[in-house]
Amino acid sequence: MSRAVISTIGHDRPGLVSDITALASALELNIEDSRMTVLGGEFAVLMALQGEPEKLAEFKQQLETLCAGNNLAHIYRDTETRQPDQSVRPYVATVMALDHPGIVYAVAQFFSARQINIRDMHTDTRPAAHTGTPIFNVSLVAEVPADVKVHSLKAQFEAFCEEADLDGQLEAQR
């Protein structure tokens, strides 16, 4: 079996998920993992597929046709299964703050500077309950190497959040 990852983005409309997943279903491809969401007025799809190489090649051609006819941007990449890394431990970091530019960069830089990979990240902005003030939220899973002293990392993260005026927490993934 072979694997591929696709990304598509286009103006949000009913039926977009159905159109893309119908291609995979018709070719008997397995959707192993996916993320689909509306960002602004656009709908974005990230999807990992598994199947016979010739069926993935056919899917690629059909996706190109679908995207061309529906004003969708897309990327198709052949890939491999990512093997679990036993030398890392998953930790969840959450951050909340008044929305302002640079929060994602600052959080990403904190982990990057320590050679810690971010495996998954989700962000959103929501209005505060009574005031409507935009509140930015980050939730991520970081792969902390086994040789990193977690107590020290947590203390560094708390200091970073305090300095950046962020409300943050770092805990083992459950």
Protein backbone atom coordinates (compact mmCIF):
# COMPACT_ATOMS: atom_id res chain seq x y z
CA MET A 1 0.00 0.00 0.00
CA SER A 2 1.10 3.53 -0.74
CA ARG A 3 0.25 6.80 0.96
CA ALA A 4 -0.35 10.38 -0.09
CA VAL A 5 -1.26 13.64 1.58
CA ILE A 6 -3.45 16.25 -0.06
CA SER A 7 -4.28 19.82 0.79
CA THR A 8 -7.09 21.73 -0.87
CA ILE A 9 -8.49 25.17 -0.23
CA GLY A 10 -11.31 27.09 -1.81
CA HIS A 11 -14.34 29.24 -1.20
CA ASP A 12 -16.55 27.58 1.43
CA ARG A 13 -19.67 25.94 0.02
CA PRO A 14 -21.92 22.98 0.85
CA GLY A 15 -20.77 19.72 -0.73
CA LEU A 16 -17.04 20.40 -0.86
CA VAL A 17 -16.19 17.62 1.62
CA SER A 18 -18.54 15.27 -0.20
CA ASP A 19 -16.93 16.04 -3.57
CA ILE A 20 -13.40 15.31 -2.34
CA THR A 21 -14.25 12.24 -0.27
CA ALA A 22 -16.35 10.82 -3.14
CA LEU A 23 -13.16 10.62 -5.23
CA ALA A 24 -11.41 8.64 -2.50
CA SER A 25 -14.40 6.38 -1.91
CA ALA A 26 -14.90 5.59 -5.60
CA LEU A 27 -11.26 4.51 -5.84
CA GLU A 28 -11.47 2.51 -2.59
CA LEU A 29 -8.82 4.66 -0.93
CA ASN A 30 -8.70 4.77 2.83
CA ILE A 31 -8.76 8.20 4.49
CA GLU A 32 -6.34 7.56 7.35
CA ASP A 33 -6.36 11.03 8.86
CA SER A 34 -7.85 14.41 8.02
CA ARG A 35 -8.39 17.97 9.17
CA MET A 36 -11.10 20.05 7.56
CA THR A 37 -12.14 23.53 8.63
CA VAL A 38 -13.39 26.93 7.54
CA LEU A 39 -10.75 29.67 7.81
CA GLY A 40 -12.18 33.06 6.97
CA GLY A 41 -14.40 32.44 3.95
CA GLU A 42 -12.28 29.55 2.71
CA PHE A 43 -12.61 25.84 3.39
CA ALA A 44 -9.35 23.98 3.93
CA VAL A 45 -8.79 20.23 3.74
CA LEU A 46 -5.74 18.24 4.83
CA MET A 47 -6.09 14.54 4.21
CA ALA A 48 -3.87 11.45 4.40
CA LEU A 49 -4.85 8.66 2.01
CA GLN A 50 -3.77 5.05 1.70
CA GLY A 51 -4.26 2.69 -1.22
CA GLU A 52 -2.86 1.01 -4.29
CA PRO A 53 -0.31 3.21 -6.13
CA GLU A 54 -2.31 3.23 -9.37
CA LYS A 55 -5.48 4.26 -7.52
CA LEU A 56 -3.62 7.10 -5.79
CA ALA A 57 -2.34 8.22 -9.21
CA GLU A 58 -5.91 8.19 -10.53
CA PHE A 59 -7.07 10.12 -7.46
CA LYS A 60 -4.41 12.74 -8.18
CA GLN A 61 -5.68 13.21 -11.73
CA GLN A 62 -9.31 13.37 -10.63
CA LEU A 63 -8.45 15.83 -7.85
CA GLU A 64 -6.75 18.10 -10.40
CA THR A 65 -9.88 18.03 -12.57
CA LEU A 66 -12.18 18.67 -9.59
CA CYS A 67 -10.04 21.56 -8.38
CA ALA A 68 -9.76 23.15 -11.83
CA GLY A 69 -13.54 23.05 -12.25
CA ASN A 70 -14.28 24.47 -8.80
CA ASN A 71 -11.59 27.14 -8.37
CA LEU A 72 -9.78 25.15 -5.67
CA ALA A 73 -6.08 25.29 -4.96
CA HIS A 74 -4.49 21.94 -4.17
CA ILE A 75 -1.28 20.11 -3.35
CA TYR A 76 -0.73 16.36 -3.70
CA ARG A 77 2.31 14.63 -2.19
CA ASP A 78 3.28 10.99 -2.00
CA THR A 79 4.41 10.16 1.52
CA GLU A 80 5.28 7.35 3.89
CA THR A 81 3.98 6.22 7.25
CA ARG A 82 5.59 8.17 10.07
CA GLN A 83 7.03 5.71 12.54
CA PRO A 84 6.43 6.50 16.21
CA ASP A 85 9.51 7.96 17.87
CA GLN A 86 10.03 6.14 21.16
CA SER A 87 12.63 8.70 22.26
CA VAL A 88 10.03 11.49 22.67
CA ARG A 89 7.16 12.08 25.07
CA PRO A 90 4.03 13.99 23.99
CA TYR A 91 3.22 17.14 25.98
CA VAL A 92 0.25 19.44 25.43
CA ALA A 93 0.82 23.18 25.58
CA THR A 94 -2.12 25.56 25.79
CA VAL A 95 -1.90 29.33 25.57
CA MET A 96 -4.57 32.00 25.87
CA ALA A 97 -4.09 35.75 25.50
CA LEU A 98 -5.59 38.94 24.19
CA ASP A 99 -5.26 38.60 20.44
CA HIS A 100 -2.26 40.31 18.86
CA PRO A 101 0.22 39.52 16.08
CA GLY A 102 3.16 37.24 16.84
CA ILE A 103 1.68 34.80 19.37
CA VAL A 104 2.04 31.71 17.18
CA TYR A 105 5.58 32.68 16.19
CA ALA A 106 6.61 33.25 19.81
CA VAL A 107 5.21 29.91 20.95
CA ALA A 108 6.72 28.06 17.97
CA GLN A 109 10.08 29.74 18.57
CA PHE A 110 10.03 28.69 22.24
CA PHE A 111 9.88 25.01 21.23
CA SER A 112 12.11 25.33 18.16
CA ALA A 113 14.90 26.94 20.17
CA ARG A 114 14.90 23.82 22.38
CA GLN A 115 14.87 21.39 19.41
CA ILE A 116 11.34 20.24 20.34
CA ASN A 117 9.11 19.28 17.43
CA ILE A 118 5.51 20.47 17.28
CA ARG A 119 3.45 17.52 16.04
CA ASP A 120 0.03 19.20 15.99
CA MET A 121 -1.22 22.75 16.54
CA HIS A 122 -4.65 24.33 16.57
CA THR A 123 -5.40 28.02 17.04
CA ASP A 124 -8.56 30.09 17.11
CA THR A 125 -9.86 33.48 18.14
CA ARG A 126 -13.08 33.94 20.08
CA PRO A 127 -14.76 36.95 21.65
CA ALA A 128 -14.57 37.24 25.43
CA ALA A 129 -17.91 36.52 27.10
CA HIS A 130 -18.87 39.98 28.39
CA THR A 131 -16.65 42.38 26.52
CA GLY A 132 -16.33 40.81 23.09
CA THR A 133 -12.56 41.39 23.21
CA PRO A 134 -10.78 38.93 20.85
CA ILE A 135 -9.10 36.13 22.83
CA PHE A 136 -6.52 34.00 20.99
CA ASN A 137 -6.13 30.33 21.91
CA VAL A 138 -3.34 27.91 21.01
CA SER A 139 -3.30 24.19 21.69
CA LEU A 140 -0.40 22.07 20.51
CA VAL A 141 1.24 18.71 21.01
CA ALA A 142 5.01 18.90 21.37
CA GLU A 143 7.35 15.91 21.11
CA VAL A 144 9.65 16.38 24.08
CA PRO A 145 12.89 14.35 23.84
CA ALA A 146 13.36 11.86 26.67
CA ASP A 147 16.61 13.54 27.76
CA VAL A 148 14.87 16.88 28.44
CA LYS A 149 14.19 17.54 32.10
CA VAL A 150 10.45 18.19 32.07
CA HIS A 151 10.41 20.12 35.35
CA SER A 152 12.95 22.55 33.93
CA LEU A 153 11.07 22.79 30.60
CA LYS A 154 7.82 23.59 32.44
CA ALA A 155 9.56 26.30 34.45
CA GLN A 156 11.03 27.79 31.24
CA PHE A 157 7.60 27.70 29.59
CA GLU A 158 5.98 29.43 32.57
CA ALA A 159 8.69 32.13 32.50
CA PHE A 160 8.26 32.54 28.74
CA CYS A 161 4.48 32.93 29.14
CA GLU A 162 4.88 35.43 31.96
CA GLU A 163 7.36 37.51 29.94
CA ALA A 164 5.12 37.43 26.83
CA ASP A 165 1.95 38.15 28.87
CA LEU A 166 0.40 34.83 27.89
CA ASP A 167 -1.65 32.48 30.05
CA GLY A 168 -0.01 29.13 29.32
CA GLN A 169 0.27 25.59 30.57
CA LEU A 170 2.41 22.57 29.65
CA GLU A 171 1.24 19.11 30.71
CA ALA A 172 1.85 15.49 29.75
CA GLN A 173 -0.58 14.31 27.09
CA ARG A 174 -3.10 11.90 28.54
